Amino acid sequence: MTARFRLWLFLLMASAIGGCDDAPRFTAAEPGEAQSGGATTVHKKDRTAFSLPAANLSPTRRLDFSVGNSFFRNPWVIAPSTTTARDGLGPLFNTNACQNCHIKDGRGHPPEPGADNAVSMLVRLSIPDEPAFAEHIRHLGLTPEPVYGKQLQDMAIPGVTPEGKVRVEYDSMTVHFRDGTPAHLRRPTLQITQLGYGPMHPQTRASARIAPPMIGLGLLEAIPEAAILANADPDDSKGTGVTGTPNWVWDDAQQKTALGRFGWKASQPSINQQNAHALAGDMGLTSSLKPADDCTPSQPACLDAPNGQGPDGEPEVSDNILRLITFYTRNLGVPARRDVAGAQVLAGKNLFFKAGCQQCHTPQFTTAANAAEPELANQVIRPYTDLLLHDMGEGLADNLTEFKANGQQWRTPPLWGIGLTQVVSGHTQFLHDGRARNLMEAVLWHGGEALPAQRQVLAFDAQQRAALLAFLNSL
């Protein structure tokens, strides 16, 4: 059977499936389609594929990239220490290095069933919003749990009690494709044990979040705001059932509301702020954007513990170190796609569009001319995200609000590089809490606005499912 005939056969089968009747038909790769990150695209396919500088970064600029990488990769230590540029860890923390969560700059994972060492998964905490906490809500997007704050820290320096331990257990459920093939899904139950500071508020909401991949963040930051908002349809004026809602969040540097782009609920407006909040929440490191440790009034040992601040109160992470970390995270290259012209990949791409997946996973943008770094400007990129919030149904709900995001809404995650997850991170666990053990399970958990697309996929036969996965794994 020739490649052309196989492609024709796949397209014929795809056309027999209902879905987006006006979906395009792809018979060849689009020009430049393999260059997911435009001129920043890198071409490694091994375990380092997510850790490379943007391909168009000059040798001189790569020096700053390497220094930023060292602060991202190497462990921070407890203060006081002779390592004054890298001390101040804690008092409460989840890990001592960014790379421990973003494994090889890739995707984190939940703890194994029965284990209580979360490592690359954090737990966000909140209670129902009350008027008395209006300032918290304005700046944090939620009301923190009164004793434990907005994030559970399961580690602490000597003399300070960790806040608790996290364990995940799973219930199994089975769905069936139209041809009778079963798919076994797992539904997680989060357990927080060994609470160090007494019981939590009875209405505490807890949301597990695994660390997302780091690639292409600077390109996402460089997408013009108008281009993102052009895809929003919060009132479903188009009648598609797919809304797309922007999250408007607090910008610490500008002291005003801004468009959210980063985080599982698009709760951060910029890479720099995302980094500052992660350094504070995950490692207990202060910066000019987050000048206080994450200790609550109920944690006196945490409040009294030594820190790594300078003699005049300088934060533990200097503005220059934060700049270097941001430069590194802003300029990680996006891997090139593989086999974009293959018959099975093209057939899977047609099925992806036929099911309407592109309504949220927007394939292409052009970055702004005034991007934060010149290498990121005017790039045609293919991230497969709209950076908007979508209702994903009760099955994926965490019932935790963040700014404008409600308990069933999640930001559309980028799909670029997703096919290299196993190679880079050593696993294939997807979605915000890592419940999906492979890409097909991730698709089948889609509900809410994505339910029609999920039903289309359930109607696919084995050959069509293989084609869809071939396309996703090529990204």
Protein backbone atom coordinates (compact mmCIF):
# COMPACT_ATOMS: atom_id res chain seq x y z
CA MET A 1 0.00 0.00 0.00
CA THR A 2 1.54 3.32 -1.03
CA ALA A 3 1.83 6.27 1.35
CA ARG A 4 -0.54 8.30 -0.85
CA PHE A 5 -3.16 5.54 -0.76
CA ARG A 6 -2.84 5.17 3.03
CA LEU A 7 -3.36 8.92 3.42
CA TRP A 8 -6.44 8.81 1.14
CA LEU A 9 -7.83 5.92 3.17
CA PHE A 10 -7.29 7.74 6.47
CA LEU A 11 -8.96 10.88 5.12
CA LEU A 12 -11.91 8.86 3.89
CA MET A 13 -12.41 7.34 7.33
CA ALA A 14 -12.01 10.73 9.01
CA SER A 15 -14.73 12.21 6.81
CA ALA A 16 -17.14 9.55 8.04
CA ILE A 17 -16.91 10.90 11.57
CA GLY A 18 -19.17 13.80 12.57
CA GLY A 19 -17.73 16.95 14.10
CA CYS A 20 -16.65 20.28 12.64
CA ASP A 21 -18.08 20.13 9.14
CA ASP A 22 -16.06 23.15 8.06
CA ALA A 23 -12.77 21.72 9.34
CA PRO A 24 -9.88 22.04 6.87
CA ARG A 25 -8.47 18.99 5.12
CA PHE A 26 -4.72 18.51 5.28
CA THR A 27 -2.99 16.50 2.57
CA ALA A 28 0.52 17.87 3.15
CA ALA A 29 2.49 19.62 5.85
CA GLU A 30 1.99 23.37 6.06
CA PRO A 31 4.98 25.59 5.24
CA GLY A 32 7.21 25.90 8.32
CA GLU A 33 4.98 23.60 10.34
CA ALA A 34 7.88 21.66 11.84
CA GLN A 35 9.31 24.88 13.33
CA SER A 36 6.96 25.04 16.33
CA GLY A 37 8.91 27.91 17.89
CA GLY A 38 9.76 29.76 14.69
CA ALA A 39 13.43 30.72 14.60
CA THR A 40 13.81 29.72 18.26
CA THR A 41 13.11 26.05 17.41
CA VAL A 42 15.68 23.49 18.54
CA HIS A 43 16.25 20.08 16.98
CA LYS A 44 17.27 17.71 19.75
CA LYS A 45 15.01 14.71 20.36
CA ASP A 46 16.77 13.26 23.42
CA ARG A 47 16.42 13.93 27.15
CA THR A 48 17.89 17.42 26.74
CA ALA A 49 15.21 18.49 24.23
CA PHE A 50 13.50 20.89 26.68
CA SER A 51 16.69 22.32 28.20
CA LEU A 52 18.29 24.04 25.21
CA PRO A 53 18.59 27.78 24.57
CA ALA A 54 16.51 29.21 21.75
CA ALA A 55 18.27 28.43 18.48
CA ASN A 56 18.57 32.11 17.54
CA LEU A 57 20.16 33.16 20.86
CA SER A 58 23.65 34.54 20.23
CA PRO A 59 26.74 33.06 21.96
CA THR A 60 27.05 36.16 24.12
CA ARG A 61 23.43 35.95 25.24
CA ARG A 62 23.87 32.25 25.97
CA LEU A 63 26.19 33.19 28.81
CA ASP A 64 23.30 34.77 30.71
CA PHE A 65 21.20 31.73 29.79
CA SER A 66 23.79 29.41 31.36
CA VAL A 67 24.06 31.48 34.54
CA GLY A 68 20.27 31.55 34.87
CA ASN A 69 20.24 27.81 34.34
CA SER A 70 22.65 27.34 37.25
CA PHE A 71 20.28 29.14 39.63
CA PHE A 72 17.35 27.14 38.23
CA ARG A 73 19.13 23.79 38.45
CA ASN A 74 21.34 23.88 41.55
CA PRO A 75 20.01 23.45 45.10
CA TRP A 76 19.46 26.37 47.43
CA VAL A 77 20.66 25.95 51.03
CA ILE A 78 19.53 26.90 54.53
CA ALA A 79 20.64 30.27 55.91
CA PRO A 80 22.97 31.36 57.33
CA SER A 81 25.52 29.87 54.97
CA THR A 82 28.82 30.74 53.33
CA THR A 83 26.95 30.33 50.03
CA THR A 84 25.35 33.76 50.41
CA ALA A 85 24.17 34.00 46.79
CA ARG A 86 22.15 30.81 47.16
CA ASP A 87 21.01 30.63 50.77
CA GLY A 88 17.67 31.30 52.44
CA LEU A 89 15.82 28.05 51.71
CA GLY A 90 12.61 27.78 53.72
CA PRO A 91 11.65 27.91 56.55
CA LEU A 92 8.81 26.04 54.83
CA PHE A 93 9.29 24.65 51.36
CA ASN A 94 8.41 21.91 48.87
CA THR A 95 11.80 21.43 47.22
CA ASN A 96 15.28 22.96 47.16
CA ALA A 97 15.72 23.41 43.40
CA CYS A 98 13.47 24.36 40.50
CA GLN A 99 14.67 21.36 38.46
CA ASN A 100 13.38 18.97 41.11
CA CYS A 101 9.84 19.83 40.01
CA HIS A 102 10.44 20.68 36.35
CA ILE A 103 12.38 17.51 35.62
CA LYS A 104 14.85 18.33 32.81
CA ASP A 105 12.69 21.45 32.30
CA GLY A 106 9.79 19.11 31.61
CA ARG A 107 6.65 17.88 33.31
CA GLY A 108 6.27 16.90 36.95
CA HIS A 109 4.28 13.94 38.21
CA PRO A 110 2.13 12.99 41.21
CA PRO A 111 3.48 10.74 43.96
CA GLU A 112 3.08 7.03 43.48
CA PRO A 113 -0.05 5.57 45.11
CA GLY A 114 0.62 5.16 48.83
CA ALA A 115 3.69 7.43 48.83
CA ASP A 116 3.65 10.78 50.62
CA ASN A 117 6.57 12.49 48.90
CA ALA A 118 4.93 14.84 46.40
CA VAL A 119 8.18 16.48 45.10
CA SER A 120 7.01 17.71 41.68
CA MET A 121 3.37 18.24 42.64
CA LEU A 122 2.11 21.05 44.85
CA VAL A 123 -1.24 21.53 46.56
CA ARG A 124 -3.02 24.87 46.32
CA LEU A 125 -5.27 25.71 49.29
CA SER A 126 -8.14 28.16 49.74
CA ILE A 127 -11.40 28.70 51.56
CA PRO A 128 -14.61 30.28 50.21
CA ASP A 129 -14.18 33.98 49.58
CA GLU A 130 -15.40 36.38 52.25
CA PRO A 131 -15.59 40.20 52.11
CA ALA A 132 -13.13 40.45 55.01
CA PHE A 133 -10.43 39.01 52.74
CA ALA A 134 -11.01 41.39 49.82
CA GLU A 135 -7.35 42.44 49.66
CA HIS A 136 -6.18 38.80 49.56
CA ILE A 137 -8.67 38.07 46.79
CA ARG A 138 -7.56 41.11 44.82
CA HIS A 139 -3.85 40.25 44.95
CA LEU A 140 -3.84 36.45 45.20
CA GLY A 141 -7.06 35.59 43.41
CA LEU A 142 -8.25 33.48 46.34
CA THR A 143 -8.65 33.45 50.12
CA PRO A 144 -5.79 31.43 51.67
CA GLU A 145 -6.48 28.77 54.29
CA PRO A 146 -6.01 30.73 57.57
CA VAL A 147 -3.42 28.42 59.17
CA TYR A 148 -1.62 26.91 56.18
CA GLY A 149 -1.79 29.70 53.59
CA LYS A 150 -2.38 29.25 49.87
CA GLN A 151 0.05 26.36 49.35
CA LEU A 152 0.88 23.33 51.48
CA GLN A 153 4.60 22.96 52.18
CA ASP A 154 5.57 19.41 53.10
CA MET A 155 9.18 20.15 54.05
CA ALA A 156 10.86 22.50 56.53
CA ILE A 157 14.27 23.48 57.87
CA PRO A 158 15.40 22.05 61.26
CA GLY A 159 13.39 23.51 64.12
CA VAL A 160 10.31 24.17 62.01
CA THR A 161 7.48 21.67 61.57
CA PRO A 162 6.41 20.83 58.00
CA GLU A 163 2.80 21.67 57.28
CA GLY A 164 1.78 18.15 56.31
CA LYS A 165 2.19 15.29 53.90
CA VAL A 166 0.38 14.67 50.64
CA ARG A 167 -0.85 11.31 49.42
CA VAL A 168 -2.87 10.44 46.32
CA GLU A 169 -5.06 7.36 46.00
CA TYR A 170 -7.01 6.37 42.89
CA ASP A 171 -10.36 4.87 42.05
CA SER A 172 -10.72 3.22 38.66
CA MET A 173 -13.43 3.76 36.08
CA THR A 174 -13.90 2.37 32.60
CA VAL A 175 -15.28 3.97 29.47
CA HIS A 176 -15.75 2.26 26.12
CA PHE A 177 -15.08 3.35 22.58
CA ARG A 178 -17.87 2.79 20.10
CA ASP A 179 -16.15 -0.35 18.84
CA GLY A 180 -16.27 -1.83 22.36
CA THR A 181 -12.62 -1.26 23.28
CA PRO A 182 -12.36 -0.35 26.98
CA ALA A 183 -10.29 2.52 28.35
CA HIS A 184 -9.44 2.40 32.04
CA LEU A 185 -9.24 5.79 33.73
CA ARG A 186 -8.18 6.64 37.27
CA ARG A 187 -9.81 9.29 39.45
CA PRO A 188 -7.53 10.72 42.15
CA THR A 189 -8.41 11.36 45.77
CA LEU A 190 -6.09 13.78 47.55
CA GLN A 191 -5.24 13.11 51.18
CA ILE A 192 -3.39 15.56 53.41
CA THR A 193 -2.00 13.88 56.51
CA GLN A 194 0.33 14.66 59.44
CA LEU A 195 -0.90 18.24 59.72
CA GLY A 196 1.71 20.16 61.68
CA TYR A 197 -0.39 23.10 62.89
CA GLY A 198 -3.77 21.66 63.73
CA PRO A 199 -6.89 21.09 61.67
CA MET A 200 -7.65 23.02 58.51
CA HIS A 201 -10.68 25.22 57.99
CA PRO A 202 -13.69 22.91 57.50
CA GLN A 203 -14.37 24.38 54.03
CA THR A 204 -10.82 24.11 52.75
CA ARG A 205 -10.47 23.41 49.05
CA ALA A 206 -7.32 21.63 47.93
CA SER A 207 -6.10 21.40 44.34
CA ALA A 208 -3.20 19.23 43.24
CA ARG A 209 -0.98 20.71 40.51
CA ILE A 210 1.97 19.04 38.79
CA ALA A 211 4.78 21.20 37.42
CA PRO A 212 4.23 22.05 33.73
CA PRO A 213 6.94 21.99 31.02
CA MET A 214 9.11 25.12 30.71
CA ILE A 215 9.55 25.30 26.94
CA GLY A 216 8.43 28.30 24.90
CA LEU A 217 7.33 30.45 27.84
CA GLY A 218 8.88 33.58 26.37
CA LEU A 219 7.00 33.02 23.12
CA LEU A 220 3.70 32.66 24.96
CA GLU A 221 4.46 35.87 26.83
CA ALA A 222 5.14 37.58 23.48
CA ILE A 223 1.73 36.78 21.93
CA PRO A 224 -0.10 40.10 21.58
CA GLU A 225 -2.88 40.52 24.11
CA ALA A 226 -5.28 41.44 21.32
CA ALA A 227 -4.58 38.14 19.55
CA ILE A 228 -5.49 36.19 22.68
CA LEU A 229 -8.63 38.21 23.37
CA ALA A 230 -9.75 37.81 19.74
CA ASN A 231 -10.38 34.11 20.48
CA ALA A 232 -12.38 34.80 23.65
CA ASP A 233 -16.12 34.26 23.46
CA PRO A 234 -17.30 34.19 27.09
CA ASP A 235 -20.97 34.58 26.12
CA ASP A 236 -20.77 31.95 23.34
CA SER A 237 -21.94 34.49 20.79
CA LYS A 238 -20.80 32.12 18.03
CA GLY A 239 -23.03 29.34 19.35
CA THR A 240 -20.26 26.75 19.29
CA GLY A 241 -20.48 25.79 22.95
CA VAL A 242 -16.80 26.75 23.29
CA THR A 243 -16.46 30.02 25.15
CA GLY A 244 -12.89 30.86 26.07
CA THR A 245 -12.61 33.34 28.93
CA PRO A 246 -9.58 35.49 29.78
CA ASN A 247 -8.35 35.49 33.35
CA TRP A 248 -7.67 38.99 34.66
CA VAL A 249 -5.12 38.81 37.48
CA TRP A 250 -2.99 41.07 39.68
CA ASP A 251 0.36 42.22 38.32
CA ASP A 252 2.71 42.82 41.26
CA ALA A 253 5.21 44.92 39.31
CA GLN A 254 2.67 47.16 37.62
CA GLN A 255 0.29 47.23 40.60
CA LYS A 256 -2.73 46.75 38.38
CA THR A 257 -4.88 44.07 36.78
CA ALA A 258 -3.43 42.34 33.71
CA LEU A 259 -4.18 39.41 31.42
CA GLY A 260 -3.23 36.06 32.96
CA ARG A 261 -1.17 33.71 30.79
CA PHE A 262 0.76 31.28 33.01
CA GLY A 263 -0.18 28.59 35.50
CA TRP A 264 -2.89 25.93 35.29
CA LYS A 265 -5.58 28.59 35.70
CA ALA A 266 -3.72 31.43 33.94
CA SER A 267 -3.27 33.15 37.31
CA GLN A 268 0.08 34.78 36.53
CA PRO A 269 0.57 37.64 34.03
CA SER A 270 4.30 37.31 33.35
CA ILE A 271 7.21 34.90 33.54
CA ASN A 272 9.02 37.09 36.05
CA GLN A 273 6.06 37.07 38.44
CA GLN A 274 5.48 33.35 37.91
CA ASN A 275 9.12 32.76 38.87
CA ALA A 276 8.97 35.03 41.92
CA HIS A 277 5.82 33.35 43.23
CA ALA A 278 7.27 29.87 42.61
CA LEU A 279 10.51 30.75 44.40
CA ALA A 280 8.48 31.99 47.38
CA GLY A 281 5.87 29.24 47.50
CA ASP A 282 8.00 26.26 46.53
CA MET A 283 11.30 27.13 48.21
CA GLY A 284 10.57 29.91 50.70
CA LEU A 285 12.81 32.38 48.88
CA THR A 286 12.02 36.08 49.08
CA SER A 287 12.45 38.59 46.25
CA SER A 288 11.51 42.19 45.60
CA LEU A 289 8.20 40.96 44.14
CA LYS A 290 7.56 38.58 47.08
CA PRO A 291 9.41 40.12 50.03
CA ALA A 292 7.92 37.98 52.84
CA ASP A 293 8.27 34.30 53.69
CA ASP A 294 5.13 32.17 53.37
CA CYS A 295 4.55 31.89 57.13
CA THR A 296 1.17 32.48 58.76
CA PRO A 297 0.52 33.88 62.28
CA SER A 298 -0.13 30.31 63.43
CA GLN A 299 3.47 29.32 62.64
CA PRO A 300 5.71 31.24 65.10
CA ALA A 301 8.78 29.03 64.56
CA CYS A 302 8.55 29.77 60.85
CA LEU A 303 8.28 33.51 61.51
CA ASP A 304 11.26 33.46 63.89
CA ALA A 305 13.57 31.27 61.79
CA PRO A 306 16.80 32.76 60.36
CA ASN A 307 16.72 33.83 56.73
CA GLY A 308 19.14 34.69 53.96
CA GLN A 309 18.31 38.37 53.67
CA GLY A 310 21.13 40.88 53.48
CA PRO A 311 22.15 43.23 56.31
CA ASP A 312 19.86 45.96 54.99
CA GLY A 313 16.92 43.65 54.41
CA GLU A 314 17.79 42.75 50.82
CA PRO A 315 15.73 39.77 49.64
CA GLU A 316 17.19 36.29 49.41
CA VAL A 317 16.88 36.31 45.62
CA SER A 318 18.43 39.52 44.35
CA ASP A 319 16.91 41.38 41.43
CA ASN A 320 19.87 40.30 39.30
CA ILE A 321 19.44 36.62 40.13
CA LEU A 322 15.71 36.85 39.45
CA ARG A 323 16.54 38.56 36.13
CA LEU A 324 18.88 35.71 35.18
CA ILE A 325 16.33 33.03 36.13
CA THR A 326 13.71 34.84 34.09
CA PHE A 327 16.08 35.16 31.13
CA TYR A 328 16.69 31.41 31.28
CA THR A 329 13.03 30.45 31.56
CA ARG A 330 12.06 32.97 28.87
CA ASN A 331 14.51 31.60 26.31
CA LEU A 332 14.17 27.82 26.50
CA GLY A 333 13.74 26.61 22.92
CA VAL A 334 10.79 24.62 21.61
CA PRO A 335 11.64 21.28 19.95
CA ALA A 336 10.91 20.82 16.27
CA ARG A 337 8.06 18.53 15.32
CA ARG A 338 8.73 15.08 13.92
CA ASP A 339 7.28 13.42 10.82
CA VAL A 340 4.94 16.32 10.01
CA ALA A 341 4.36 15.04 6.45
CA GLY A 342 3.75 11.41 7.43
CA ALA A 343 0.47 9.91 6.21
CA GLN A 344 -0.65 8.78 9.64
CA VAL A 345 0.28 12.12 11.26
CA LEU A 346 -1.65 14.07 8.62
CA ALA A 347 -4.64 11.77 9.06
CA GLY A 348 -4.50 12.35 12.80
CA LYS A 349 -4.31 16.09 12.24
CA ASN A 350 -7.48 15.93 10.17
CA LEU A 351 -9.21 14.00 12.93
CA PHE A 352 -7.98 16.54 15.51
CA PHE A 353 -9.62 19.33 13.52
CA LYS A 354 -12.67 17.25 12.68
CA ALA A 355 -13.34 16.73 16.37
CA GLY A 356 -12.97 20.46 16.98
CA CYS A 357 -9.94 20.25 19.28
CA GLN A 358 -8.41 23.32 17.61
CA GLN A 359 -11.21 25.49 18.99
CA CYS A 360 -9.28 25.60 22.28
CA HIS A 361 -5.87 24.32 21.21
CA THR A 362 -5.30 27.19 18.77
CA PRO A 363 -2.54 26.04 16.44
CA GLN A 364 -0.77 29.25 15.47
CA PHE A 365 0.09 32.80 16.56
CA THR A 366 2.61 35.45 15.54
CA THR A 367 4.52 37.05 18.40
CA ALA A 368 4.68 40.81 18.87
CA ALA A 369 7.38 43.03 17.43
CA ASN A 370 8.05 44.46 20.89
CA ALA A 371 8.66 41.13 22.65
CA ALA A 372 10.68 41.19 25.87
CA GLU A 373 13.68 39.72 24.02
CA PRO A 374 14.49 40.47 20.36
CA GLU A 375 14.89 36.77 19.56
CA LEU A 376 11.24 36.21 20.47
CA ALA A 377 9.82 38.96 18.27
CA ASN A 378 7.86 38.43 15.03
CA GLN A 379 7.94 34.64 15.28
CA VAL A 380 5.29 32.42 13.73
CA ILE A 381 4.73 29.85 16.47
CA ARG A 382 2.52 26.78 16.82
CA PRO A 383 1.81 26.24 20.54
CA TYR A 384 -1.68 24.69 20.22
CA THR A 385 -3.19 26.78 23.01
CA ASP A 386 -5.40 29.86 23.24
CA LEU A 387 -4.20 30.71 26.80
CA LEU A 388 -7.86 31.13 27.76
CA LEU A 389 -9.97 29.49 30.45
CA HIS A 390 -12.46 26.78 29.52
CA ASP A 391 -15.01 24.84 31.55
CA MET A 392 -13.73 21.27 31.50
CA GLY A 393 -16.65 19.72 33.34
CA GLU A 394 -17.20 18.19 36.76
CA GLY A 395 -14.78 15.33 36.14
CA LEU A 396 -11.75 17.65 36.17
CA ALA A 397 -13.15 20.23 38.61
CA ASP A 398 -11.10 21.17 41.66
CA ASN A 399 -13.75 23.63 42.95
CA LEU A 400 -11.03 26.19 43.61
CA THR A 401 -11.36 29.68 42.18
CA GLU A 402 -8.42 31.86 41.13
CA PHE A 403 -9.24 35.42 40.10
CA LYS A 404 -11.82 35.00 37.30
CA ALA A 405 -11.31 31.23 36.97
CA ASN A 406 -14.02 29.15 38.60
CA GLY A 407 -13.72 25.66 40.01
CA GLN A 408 -14.32 23.93 36.65
CA GLN A 409 -12.18 26.17 34.46
CA TRP A 410 -8.62 25.52 33.33
CA ARG A 411 -6.31 27.31 30.96
CA THR A 412 -5.75 25.42 27.69
CA PRO A 413 -2.27 23.94 28.08
CA PRO A 414 0.15 24.21 25.14
CA LEU A 415 0.65 20.94 23.28
CA TRP A 416 4.03 21.69 21.70
CA GLY A 417 6.63 19.15 22.79
CA ILE A 418 4.03 16.85 24.35
CA GLY A 419 5.19 13.87 22.30
CA LEU A 420 8.64 14.07 23.94
CA THR A 421 7.32 13.81 27.50
CA GLN A 422 8.44 10.21 27.97
CA VAL A 423 11.90 10.93 26.58
CA VAL A 424 12.46 14.07 28.66
CA SER A 425 10.61 13.41 31.92
CA GLY A 426 10.54 9.62 31.99
CA HIS A 427 6.76 9.29 32.21
CA THR A 428 3.53 10.10 30.39
CA GLN A 429 1.32 11.51 33.13
CA PHE A 430 -0.86 14.39 31.96
CA LEU A 431 -3.50 16.91 33.05
CA HIS A 432 -3.19 19.29 35.99
CA ASP A 433 -2.89 16.53 38.59
CA GLY A 434 -1.19 13.85 36.50
CA ARG A 435 -4.18 11.48 36.63
CA ALA A 436 -3.94 10.59 32.92
CA ARG A 437 -1.30 7.93 32.31
CA ASN A 438 -1.16 8.55 28.57
CA LEU A 439 -2.47 10.98 25.99
CA MET A 440 -5.63 9.02 25.21
CA GLU A 441 -6.63 9.04 28.88
CA ALA A 442 -6.06 12.80 28.92
CA VAL A 443 -8.39 13.22 25.93
CA LEU A 444 -11.07 11.05 27.52
CA TRP A 445 -11.10 13.17 30.69
CA HIS A 446 -12.19 16.19 28.64
CA GLY A 447 -15.69 17.30 29.58
CA GLY A 448 -17.67 20.52 29.71
CA GLU A 449 -16.95 22.59 26.63
CA ALA A 450 -14.77 19.77 25.29
CA LEU A 451 -17.39 17.04 25.71
CA PRO A 452 -18.41 17.05 22.01
CA ALA A 453 -14.76 16.54 21.03
CA GLN A 454 -14.39 13.74 23.56
CA ARG A 455 -17.47 12.02 22.13
CA GLN A 456 -16.00 12.27 18.65
CA VAL A 457 -12.87 10.50 19.85
CA LEU A 458 -14.94 7.78 21.53
CA ALA A 459 -16.45 7.11 18.09
CA PHE A 460 -13.04 6.59 16.47
CA ASP A 461 -11.98 3.07 15.57
CA ALA A 462 -8.55 1.66 16.45
CA GLN A 463 -6.90 2.95 13.28
CA GLN A 464 -8.26 6.44 13.76
CA ARG A 465 -7.21 6.49 17.40
CA ALA A 466 -3.71 5.48 16.38
CA ALA A 467 -3.65 8.29 13.82
CA LEU A 468 -4.79 10.89 16.38
CA LEU A 469 -2.07 9.75 18.79
CA ALA A 470 0.52 9.83 16.02
CA PHE A 471 -0.38 13.47 15.39
CA LEU A 472 -0.27 14.42 19.08
CA ASN A 473 3.05 12.63 19.52
CA SER A 474 4.47 14.54 16.57
CA LEU A 475 3.91 17.87 18.32
